[in-house]
N, C-alpha and C. Protein backbone atom coordinates (compact mmCIF):
# COMPACT_ATOMS: atom_id res chain seq x y z
N MET A 1 -20.83 9.66 9.87
CA MET A 1 -19.53 9.08 10.18
C MET A 1 -19.69 7.56 10.23
N GLY A 2 -18.86 6.86 9.46
CA GLY A 2 -18.94 5.41 9.41
C GLY A 2 -18.44 4.77 10.70
N PRO A 3 -18.76 3.48 10.90
CA PRO A 3 -18.37 2.81 12.15
C PRO A 3 -16.85 2.70 12.34
N MET A 4 -16.12 2.48 11.27
CA MET A 4 -14.67 2.37 11.37
C MET A 4 -14.06 3.72 11.74
N ARG A 5 -14.56 4.75 11.12
CA ARG A 5 -14.08 6.11 11.40
C ARG A 5 -14.40 6.50 12.83
N ARG A 6 -15.62 6.18 13.29
CA ARG A 6 -16.04 6.50 14.65
C ARG A 6 -15.17 5.74 15.66
N LEU A 7 -14.90 4.47 15.39
CA LEU A 7 -14.06 3.66 16.29
C LEU A 7 -12.65 4.23 16.36
N ALA A 8 -12.09 4.57 15.20
CA ALA A 8 -10.73 5.13 15.18
C ALA A 8 -10.66 6.44 15.94
N THR A 9 -11.67 7.28 15.76
CA THR A 9 -11.69 8.58 16.45
C THR A 9 -11.81 8.39 17.95
N ARG A 10 -12.71 7.51 18.38
CA ARG A 10 -12.88 7.26 19.82
C ARG A 10 -11.62 6.67 20.44
N LEU A 11 -11.00 5.73 19.73
CA LEU A 11 -9.76 5.12 20.23
C LEU A 11 -8.67 6.18 20.34
N SER A 12 -8.54 7.01 19.32
CA SER A 12 -7.52 8.06 19.33
C SER A 12 -7.76 9.04 20.48
N GLU A 13 -9.01 9.44 20.67
CA GLU A 13 -9.33 10.37 21.76
C GLU A 13 -9.05 9.75 23.13
N GLY A 14 -9.42 8.48 23.31
CA GLY A 14 -9.17 7.81 24.58
C GLY A 14 -7.69 7.64 24.87
N VAL A 15 -6.95 7.21 23.85
CA VAL A 15 -5.50 7.06 24.00
C VAL A 15 -4.87 8.41 24.29
N ASP A 16 -5.38 9.46 23.65
CA ASP A 16 -4.84 10.80 23.88
C ASP A 16 -5.06 11.25 25.32
N ARG A 17 -6.23 10.98 25.88
CA ARG A 17 -6.49 11.34 27.28
C ARG A 17 -5.51 10.63 28.22
N VAL A 18 -5.29 9.34 27.99
CA VAL A 18 -4.35 8.59 28.82
C VAL A 18 -2.93 9.12 28.62
N THR A 19 -2.57 9.39 27.38
CA THR A 19 -1.24 9.91 27.07
C THR A 19 -0.99 11.24 27.78
N LEU A 20 -1.96 12.14 27.73
CA LEU A 20 -1.79 13.44 28.37
C LEU A 20 -1.70 13.32 29.89
N ALA A 21 -2.48 12.41 30.47
CA ALA A 21 -2.41 12.20 31.92
C ALA A 21 -1.04 11.64 32.31
N LEU A 22 -0.55 10.67 31.55
CA LEU A 22 0.79 10.12 31.82
C LEU A 22 1.87 11.19 31.63
N ALA A 23 1.72 11.99 30.60
CA ALA A 23 2.71 13.05 30.35
C ALA A 23 2.73 14.05 31.51
N ALA A 24 1.57 14.37 32.04
CA ALA A 24 1.52 15.30 33.18
C ALA A 24 2.20 14.69 34.41
N LEU A 25 1.94 13.41 34.65
CA LEU A 25 2.60 12.73 35.78
C LEU A 25 4.12 12.66 35.58
N LEU A 26 4.53 12.35 34.37
CA LEU A 26 5.97 12.28 34.09
C LEU A 26 6.64 13.64 34.24
N ALA A 27 5.99 14.69 33.77
CA ALA A 27 6.54 16.04 33.90
C ALA A 27 6.66 16.43 35.37
N ALA A 28 5.65 16.08 36.15
CA ALA A 28 5.70 16.38 37.59
C ALA A 28 6.81 15.58 38.27
N ALA A 29 6.93 14.30 37.94
CA ALA A 29 7.97 13.46 38.54
C ALA A 29 9.36 13.96 38.16
N MET A 30 9.52 14.34 36.90
CA MET A 30 10.82 14.85 36.44
C MET A 30 11.17 16.15 37.16
N THR A 31 10.21 17.05 37.26
CA THR A 31 10.44 18.33 37.94
C THR A 31 10.78 18.11 39.41
N LEU A 32 10.04 17.24 40.05
CA LEU A 32 10.29 16.96 41.47
C LEU A 32 11.66 16.32 41.67
N ALA A 33 12.01 15.35 40.81
CA ALA A 33 13.32 14.70 40.93
C ALA A 33 14.45 15.70 40.76
N LEU A 34 14.31 16.62 39.81
CA LEU A 34 15.36 17.62 39.59
C LEU A 34 15.42 18.62 40.74
N ALA A 35 14.27 19.00 41.26
CA ALA A 35 14.26 19.94 42.39
C ALA A 35 14.90 19.31 43.62
N VAL A 36 14.59 18.05 43.87
CA VAL A 36 15.18 17.33 45.01
C VAL A 36 16.69 17.19 44.81
N GLN A 37 17.09 16.93 43.57
CA GLN A 37 18.52 16.80 43.28
C GLN A 37 19.25 18.11 43.55
N VAL A 38 18.68 19.23 43.12
CA VAL A 38 19.30 20.54 43.37
C VAL A 38 19.40 20.79 44.87
N LEU A 39 18.34 20.51 45.58
CA LEU A 39 18.34 20.71 47.03
C LEU A 39 19.44 19.87 47.69
N PHE A 40 19.50 18.61 47.35
CA PHE A 40 20.49 17.74 48.00
C PHE A 40 21.91 18.06 47.56
N ARG A 41 22.11 18.41 46.28
CA ARG A 41 23.47 18.65 45.80
C ARG A 41 24.01 19.99 46.29
N PHE A 42 23.24 21.06 46.16
CA PHE A 42 23.77 22.38 46.42
C PHE A 42 23.47 22.92 47.81
N VAL A 43 22.41 22.46 48.43
CA VAL A 43 22.07 22.96 49.77
C VAL A 43 22.61 22.02 50.84
N LEU A 44 22.29 20.75 50.70
CA LEU A 44 22.72 19.77 51.71
C LEU A 44 24.09 19.17 51.41
N ARG A 45 24.61 19.42 50.22
CA ARG A 45 25.92 18.91 49.80
C ARG A 45 26.03 17.39 49.93
N ALA A 46 24.93 16.73 49.59
CA ALA A 46 24.88 15.26 49.60
C ALA A 46 24.08 14.81 48.38
N PRO A 47 24.72 14.81 47.18
CA PRO A 47 23.98 14.50 45.96
C PRO A 47 23.38 13.09 45.99
N LEU A 48 22.22 12.98 45.37
CA LEU A 48 21.53 11.69 45.28
C LEU A 48 22.01 10.95 44.03
N SER A 49 22.05 9.65 44.12
CA SER A 49 22.53 8.86 42.99
C SER A 49 21.44 8.56 41.97
N TRP A 50 20.19 8.62 42.36
CA TRP A 50 19.10 8.16 41.51
C TRP A 50 18.29 9.27 40.84
N SER A 51 18.36 10.50 41.31
CA SER A 51 17.44 11.53 40.84
C SER A 51 17.66 11.92 39.37
N GLU A 52 18.91 12.03 38.97
CA GLU A 52 19.18 12.39 37.57
C GLU A 52 18.74 11.28 36.63
N GLU A 53 18.94 10.05 37.05
CA GLU A 53 18.52 8.91 36.23
C GLU A 53 17.00 8.89 36.09
N LEU A 54 16.29 9.11 37.18
CA LEU A 54 14.83 9.16 37.13
C LEU A 54 14.36 10.29 36.21
N ALA A 55 14.95 11.46 36.35
CA ALA A 55 14.56 12.60 35.50
C ALA A 55 14.84 12.28 34.03
N ARG A 56 15.94 11.64 33.73
CA ARG A 56 16.29 11.29 32.34
C ARG A 56 15.27 10.33 31.75
N TYR A 57 14.89 9.30 32.51
CA TYR A 57 13.92 8.32 32.00
C TYR A 57 12.54 8.94 31.86
N CYS A 58 12.17 9.82 32.79
CA CYS A 58 10.90 10.54 32.66
C CYS A 58 10.90 11.40 31.40
N PHE A 59 12.03 12.05 31.13
CA PHE A 59 12.14 12.90 29.95
C PHE A 59 12.00 12.09 28.66
N VAL A 60 12.63 10.92 28.61
CA VAL A 60 12.54 10.07 27.42
C VAL A 60 11.08 9.70 27.16
N TRP A 61 10.38 9.27 28.20
CA TRP A 61 8.97 8.92 28.06
C TRP A 61 8.13 10.13 27.70
N LEU A 62 8.42 11.25 28.33
CA LEU A 62 7.66 12.48 28.08
C LEU A 62 7.83 12.92 26.62
N ALA A 63 9.03 12.85 26.09
CA ALA A 63 9.27 13.23 24.70
C ALA A 63 8.53 12.30 23.74
N SER A 64 8.54 11.02 24.03
CA SER A 64 7.86 10.06 23.16
C SER A 64 6.34 10.27 23.19
N LEU A 65 5.78 10.44 24.36
CA LEU A 65 4.34 10.65 24.48
C LEU A 65 3.94 12.03 23.95
N GLY A 66 4.80 13.01 24.14
CA GLY A 66 4.53 14.35 23.62
C GLY A 66 4.53 14.37 22.10
N ALA A 67 5.42 13.62 21.49
CA ALA A 67 5.43 13.52 20.03
C ALA A 67 4.14 12.90 19.53
N ALA A 68 3.65 11.90 20.24
CA ALA A 68 2.39 11.26 19.87
C ALA A 68 1.22 12.24 19.99
N ALA A 69 1.21 13.03 21.05
CA ALA A 69 0.15 14.04 21.22
C ALA A 69 0.22 15.06 20.09
N GLY A 70 1.41 15.36 19.63
CA GLY A 70 1.57 16.28 18.49
C GLY A 70 0.98 15.71 17.21
N VAL A 71 1.10 14.41 17.02
CA VAL A 71 0.50 13.76 15.85
C VAL A 71 -1.01 13.90 15.91
N ARG A 72 -1.58 13.69 17.08
CA ARG A 72 -3.04 13.81 17.25
C ARG A 72 -3.53 15.20 16.85
N ARG A 73 -2.76 16.21 17.16
CA ARG A 73 -3.16 17.58 16.92
C ARG A 73 -2.65 18.15 15.59
N GLY A 74 -1.89 17.36 14.85
CA GLY A 74 -1.35 17.84 13.58
C GLY A 74 -0.31 18.93 13.74
N LEU A 75 0.48 18.85 14.80
CA LEU A 75 1.44 19.91 15.11
C LEU A 75 2.84 19.68 14.56
N HIS A 76 3.10 18.53 13.97
CA HIS A 76 4.44 18.30 13.43
C HIS A 76 4.60 19.08 12.13
N PRO A 77 5.77 19.66 11.94
CA PRO A 77 5.96 20.51 10.77
C PRO A 77 5.97 19.70 9.47
N GLY A 78 5.57 20.36 8.43
CA GLY A 78 5.61 19.76 7.11
C GLY A 78 5.85 20.87 6.09
N ILE A 79 6.26 20.47 4.93
CA ILE A 79 6.53 21.44 3.86
C ILE A 79 5.64 21.09 2.68
N GLU A 80 4.93 22.07 2.21
CA GLU A 80 4.09 21.88 1.03
C GLU A 80 4.57 22.84 -0.05
N LEU A 81 4.98 22.28 -1.13
CA LEU A 81 5.46 23.07 -2.26
C LEU A 81 4.60 22.75 -3.47
N TRP A 82 3.43 23.34 -3.53
CA TRP A 82 2.51 23.06 -4.62
C TRP A 82 2.45 24.26 -5.56
N PRO A 83 2.76 24.01 -6.82
CA PRO A 83 2.57 25.11 -7.78
C PRO A 83 1.07 25.41 -7.94
N ALA A 84 0.78 26.62 -8.35
CA ALA A 84 -0.62 27.00 -8.55
C ALA A 84 -1.26 26.07 -9.59
N GLY A 85 -2.49 25.72 -9.33
CA GLY A 85 -3.22 24.91 -10.30
C GLY A 85 -3.15 23.41 -10.09
N VAL A 86 -2.42 22.94 -9.07
CA VAL A 86 -2.39 21.50 -8.80
C VAL A 86 -3.75 21.10 -8.24
N PRO A 87 -4.42 20.14 -8.86
CA PRO A 87 -5.75 19.76 -8.39
C PRO A 87 -5.73 19.22 -6.96
N ALA A 88 -6.84 19.43 -6.26
CA ALA A 88 -6.96 18.99 -4.86
C ALA A 88 -6.80 17.48 -4.73
N TRP A 89 -7.27 16.73 -5.73
CA TRP A 89 -7.18 15.27 -5.63
C TRP A 89 -5.73 14.80 -5.68
N VAL A 90 -4.86 15.54 -6.39
CA VAL A 90 -3.44 15.19 -6.44
C VAL A 90 -2.81 15.44 -5.07
N ARG A 91 -3.14 16.59 -4.48
CA ARG A 91 -2.61 16.90 -3.14
C ARG A 91 -3.07 15.85 -2.13
N ARG A 92 -4.33 15.46 -2.21
CA ARG A 92 -4.88 14.44 -1.29
C ARG A 92 -4.17 13.10 -1.50
N ALA A 93 -3.95 12.71 -2.74
CA ALA A 93 -3.26 11.44 -3.03
C ALA A 93 -1.84 11.45 -2.48
N VAL A 94 -1.14 12.56 -2.67
CA VAL A 94 0.23 12.68 -2.16
C VAL A 94 0.22 12.63 -0.63
N ALA A 95 -0.77 13.29 -0.01
CA ALA A 95 -0.88 13.26 1.45
C ALA A 95 -1.12 11.84 1.95
N ILE A 96 -1.95 11.08 1.25
CA ILE A 96 -2.22 9.69 1.65
C ILE A 96 -0.96 8.84 1.52
N VAL A 97 -0.21 9.04 0.46
CA VAL A 97 1.06 8.32 0.30
C VAL A 97 2.02 8.69 1.43
N GLY A 98 2.07 9.98 1.77
CA GLY A 98 2.93 10.43 2.87
C GLY A 98 2.54 9.78 4.19
N VAL A 99 1.24 9.72 4.45
CA VAL A 99 0.76 9.06 5.67
C VAL A 99 1.14 7.59 5.65
N GLY A 100 1.06 6.96 4.48
CA GLY A 100 1.45 5.55 4.36
C GLY A 100 2.92 5.33 4.66
N VAL A 101 3.76 6.22 4.17
CA VAL A 101 5.21 6.11 4.42
C VAL A 101 5.49 6.30 5.91
N VAL A 102 4.87 7.32 6.52
CA VAL A 102 5.07 7.55 7.96
C VAL A 102 4.54 6.36 8.75
N GLY A 103 3.37 5.84 8.36
CA GLY A 103 2.80 4.67 9.04
C GLY A 103 3.71 3.46 8.95
N ALA A 104 4.27 3.21 7.78
CA ALA A 104 5.20 2.08 7.63
C ALA A 104 6.43 2.26 8.52
N PHE A 105 6.95 3.49 8.57
CA PHE A 105 8.09 3.76 9.44
C PHE A 105 7.73 3.49 10.90
N LEU A 106 6.53 3.93 11.33
CA LEU A 106 6.12 3.73 12.73
C LEU A 106 5.95 2.25 13.05
N ILE A 107 5.46 1.48 12.09
CA ILE A 107 5.32 0.03 12.31
C ILE A 107 6.69 -0.61 12.50
N VAL A 108 7.64 -0.25 11.65
CA VAL A 108 9.01 -0.78 11.78
C VAL A 108 9.62 -0.33 13.11
N LEU A 109 9.44 0.94 13.44
CA LEU A 109 9.98 1.48 14.69
C LEU A 109 9.39 0.74 15.89
N ALA A 110 8.10 0.49 15.87
CA ALA A 110 7.45 -0.22 16.98
C ALA A 110 7.95 -1.66 17.07
N ALA A 111 8.01 -2.35 15.95
CA ALA A 111 8.41 -3.76 15.96
C ALA A 111 9.84 -3.93 16.46
N TYR A 112 10.76 -3.19 15.88
CA TYR A 112 12.15 -3.31 16.30
C TYR A 112 12.39 -2.69 17.68
N GLY A 113 11.64 -1.66 18.00
CA GLY A 113 11.75 -1.05 19.32
C GLY A 113 11.34 -2.01 20.43
N TRP A 114 10.26 -2.76 20.20
CA TRP A 114 9.84 -3.74 21.22
C TRP A 114 10.88 -4.84 21.37
N ARG A 115 11.48 -5.25 20.25
CA ARG A 115 12.54 -6.27 20.33
C ARG A 115 13.72 -5.76 21.14
N LEU A 116 14.11 -4.51 20.91
CA LEU A 116 15.23 -3.92 21.64
C LEU A 116 14.89 -3.76 23.12
N ALA A 117 13.67 -3.33 23.42
CA ALA A 117 13.25 -3.18 24.82
C ALA A 117 13.26 -4.53 25.52
N ALA A 118 12.73 -5.55 24.87
CA ALA A 118 12.70 -6.89 25.47
C ALA A 118 14.12 -7.41 25.70
N PHE A 119 15.00 -7.16 24.73
CA PHE A 119 16.39 -7.59 24.85
C PHE A 119 17.08 -6.96 26.06
N ASN A 120 16.72 -5.73 26.37
CA ASN A 120 17.37 -4.99 27.45
C ASN A 120 16.69 -5.14 28.81
N MET A 121 15.67 -5.96 28.91
CA MET A 121 14.96 -6.11 30.18
C MET A 121 15.83 -6.75 31.27
N ARG A 122 16.81 -7.53 30.90
CA ARG A 122 17.67 -8.17 31.92
C ARG A 122 18.75 -7.23 32.46
N GLN A 123 19.10 -6.22 31.66
CA GLN A 123 20.10 -5.25 32.10
C GLN A 123 19.45 -4.27 33.08
N ARG A 124 20.18 -3.88 34.10
CA ARG A 124 19.65 -2.96 35.13
C ARG A 124 20.30 -1.59 35.02
N SER A 125 19.51 -0.57 35.32
CA SER A 125 20.06 0.79 35.30
C SER A 125 21.03 0.95 36.47
N PRO A 126 22.05 1.78 36.32
CA PRO A 126 23.10 1.86 37.33
C PRO A 126 22.64 2.37 38.70
N ALA A 127 21.82 3.38 38.75
CA ALA A 127 21.49 4.00 40.04
C ALA A 127 20.23 3.42 40.68
N MET A 128 19.19 3.19 39.89
CA MET A 128 17.92 2.75 40.46
C MET A 128 17.69 1.26 40.35
N GLY A 129 18.46 0.58 39.53
CA GLY A 129 18.30 -0.85 39.36
C GLY A 129 17.07 -1.25 38.56
N LEU A 130 16.52 -0.31 37.78
CA LEU A 130 15.36 -0.61 36.95
C LEU A 130 15.78 -1.42 35.73
N PRO A 131 14.90 -2.26 35.22
CA PRO A 131 15.21 -2.93 33.95
C PRO A 131 15.36 -1.88 32.85
N MET A 132 16.43 -1.95 32.09
CA MET A 132 16.69 -0.96 31.05
C MET A 132 15.69 -1.06 29.90
N GLY A 133 14.95 -2.13 29.85
CA GLY A 133 13.90 -2.24 28.85
C GLY A 133 12.81 -1.21 29.05
N LEU A 134 12.64 -0.71 30.28
CA LEU A 134 11.59 0.28 30.54
C LEU A 134 11.85 1.60 29.82
N PRO A 135 13.03 2.20 29.93
CA PRO A 135 13.24 3.42 29.14
C PRO A 135 13.26 3.14 27.63
N TYR A 136 13.76 1.99 27.24
CA TYR A 136 13.77 1.65 25.82
C TYR A 136 12.35 1.49 25.27
N ALA A 137 11.41 1.07 26.10
CA ALA A 137 10.03 0.85 25.67
C ALA A 137 9.30 2.15 25.33
N ALA A 138 9.86 3.28 25.71
CA ALA A 138 9.22 4.56 25.41
C ALA A 138 9.09 4.78 23.90
N VAL A 139 10.10 4.42 23.16
CA VAL A 139 10.10 4.68 21.72
C VAL A 139 9.04 3.85 21.00
N PRO A 140 8.99 2.53 21.18
CA PRO A 140 7.93 1.79 20.49
C PRO A 140 6.53 2.12 21.00
N THR A 141 6.42 2.45 22.27
CA THR A 141 5.11 2.85 22.80
C THR A 141 4.64 4.12 22.11
N GLY A 142 5.52 5.10 22.01
CA GLY A 142 5.19 6.33 21.31
C GLY A 142 4.84 6.07 19.85
N ALA A 143 5.56 5.14 19.21
CA ALA A 143 5.29 4.82 17.81
C ALA A 143 3.89 4.22 17.65
N VAL A 144 3.50 3.34 18.56
CA VAL A 144 2.16 2.73 18.49
C VAL A 144 1.09 3.80 18.70
N VAL A 145 1.29 4.68 19.67
CA VAL A 145 0.31 5.74 19.92
C VAL A 145 0.24 6.67 18.71
N MET A 146 1.38 7.01 18.12
CA MET A 146 1.38 7.84 16.92
C MET A 146 0.63 7.16 15.78
N LEU A 147 0.80 5.86 15.66
CA LEU A 147 0.12 5.10 14.61
C LEU A 147 -1.40 5.14 14.81
N VAL A 148 -1.86 5.00 16.04
CA VAL A 148 -3.30 5.10 16.33
C VAL A 148 -3.82 6.47 15.89
N HIS A 149 -3.10 7.52 16.26
CA HIS A 149 -3.53 8.87 15.89
C HIS A 149 -3.45 9.11 14.38
N LEU A 150 -2.43 8.56 13.75
CA LEU A 150 -2.26 8.72 12.31
C LEU A 150 -3.43 8.08 11.55
N VAL A 151 -3.81 6.87 11.94
CA VAL A 151 -4.93 6.18 11.30
C VAL A 151 -6.22 6.98 11.51
N ALA A 152 -6.43 7.45 12.73
CA ALA A 152 -7.64 8.24 13.02
C ALA A 152 -7.67 9.51 12.17
N ARG A 153 -6.54 10.19 12.08
CA ARG A 153 -6.49 11.43 11.27
C ARG A 153 -6.75 11.13 9.81
N LEU A 154 -6.24 10.03 9.32
CA LEU A 154 -6.45 9.65 7.92
C LEU A 154 -7.93 9.37 7.67
N LEU A 155 -8.58 8.64 8.58
CA LEU A 155 -9.99 8.30 8.42
C LEU A 155 -10.91 9.50 8.64
N GLU A 156 -10.47 10.45 9.48
CA GLU A 156 -11.28 11.64 9.75
C GLU A 156 -11.28 12.61 8.57
N GLY A 157 -10.28 12.52 7.72
CA GLY A 157 -10.21 13.40 6.56
C GLY A 157 -9.48 14.69 6.87
N PRO A 158 -9.46 15.60 5.91
CA PRO A 158 -8.72 16.85 6.09
C PRO A 158 -9.29 17.69 7.23
N ARG A 159 -8.39 18.39 7.91
CA ARG A 159 -8.76 19.27 9.02
C ARG A 159 -8.38 20.69 8.69
N GLU A 160 -8.90 21.58 9.52
CA GLU A 160 -8.46 22.97 9.41
C GLU A 160 -7.01 23.04 9.88
N GLU A 161 -6.36 24.11 9.47
CA GLU A 161 -4.99 24.33 9.93
C GLU A 161 -4.99 24.55 11.43
N PRO A 162 -3.95 24.07 12.15
CA PRO A 162 -3.88 24.34 13.58
C PRO A 162 -3.74 25.83 13.85
N PRO A 163 -4.14 26.27 15.06
CA PRO A 163 -4.02 27.69 15.37
C PRO A 163 -2.58 28.18 15.22
N GLY A 164 -2.42 29.33 14.61
CA GLY A 164 -1.09 29.91 14.46
C GLY A 164 -0.36 29.43 13.24
N ALA A 165 -0.98 28.55 12.45
CA ALA A 165 -0.29 28.00 11.28
C ALA A 165 -0.39 28.94 10.11
């Protein structure tokens, strides 16, 4: 394994560990916020103003980080329509072009997403008063993490099919 490939793999694995830990915390926070909201709304009849907002922002971050974890594991769906006899090198070339297109999209998504998040940092969320740039930052953050995983997967080469595929 070459040094660039090893670095990409280690970076992807490290980022994945952090991503999964954050996703677990976000899922727990979202679940707790919703449970507290149900308790206060239906049992105590005193709904909270902030719990739904917190759960929504946790969900946005969770979805973005979960999508990135899916890229690491090759779990996003794809369609392959290859007639019999297409050489392996053609399939590999098309796959590399596809990765390039997805990578370019993620770069654009990250760049414009960060601009949008920065633009919204002065606006405050209605219930919790958080800068609105924080929920907006989930999308470009997820795009950057997906890009790290995409580069690592490209450098690692072809993998076996995921379980159940």
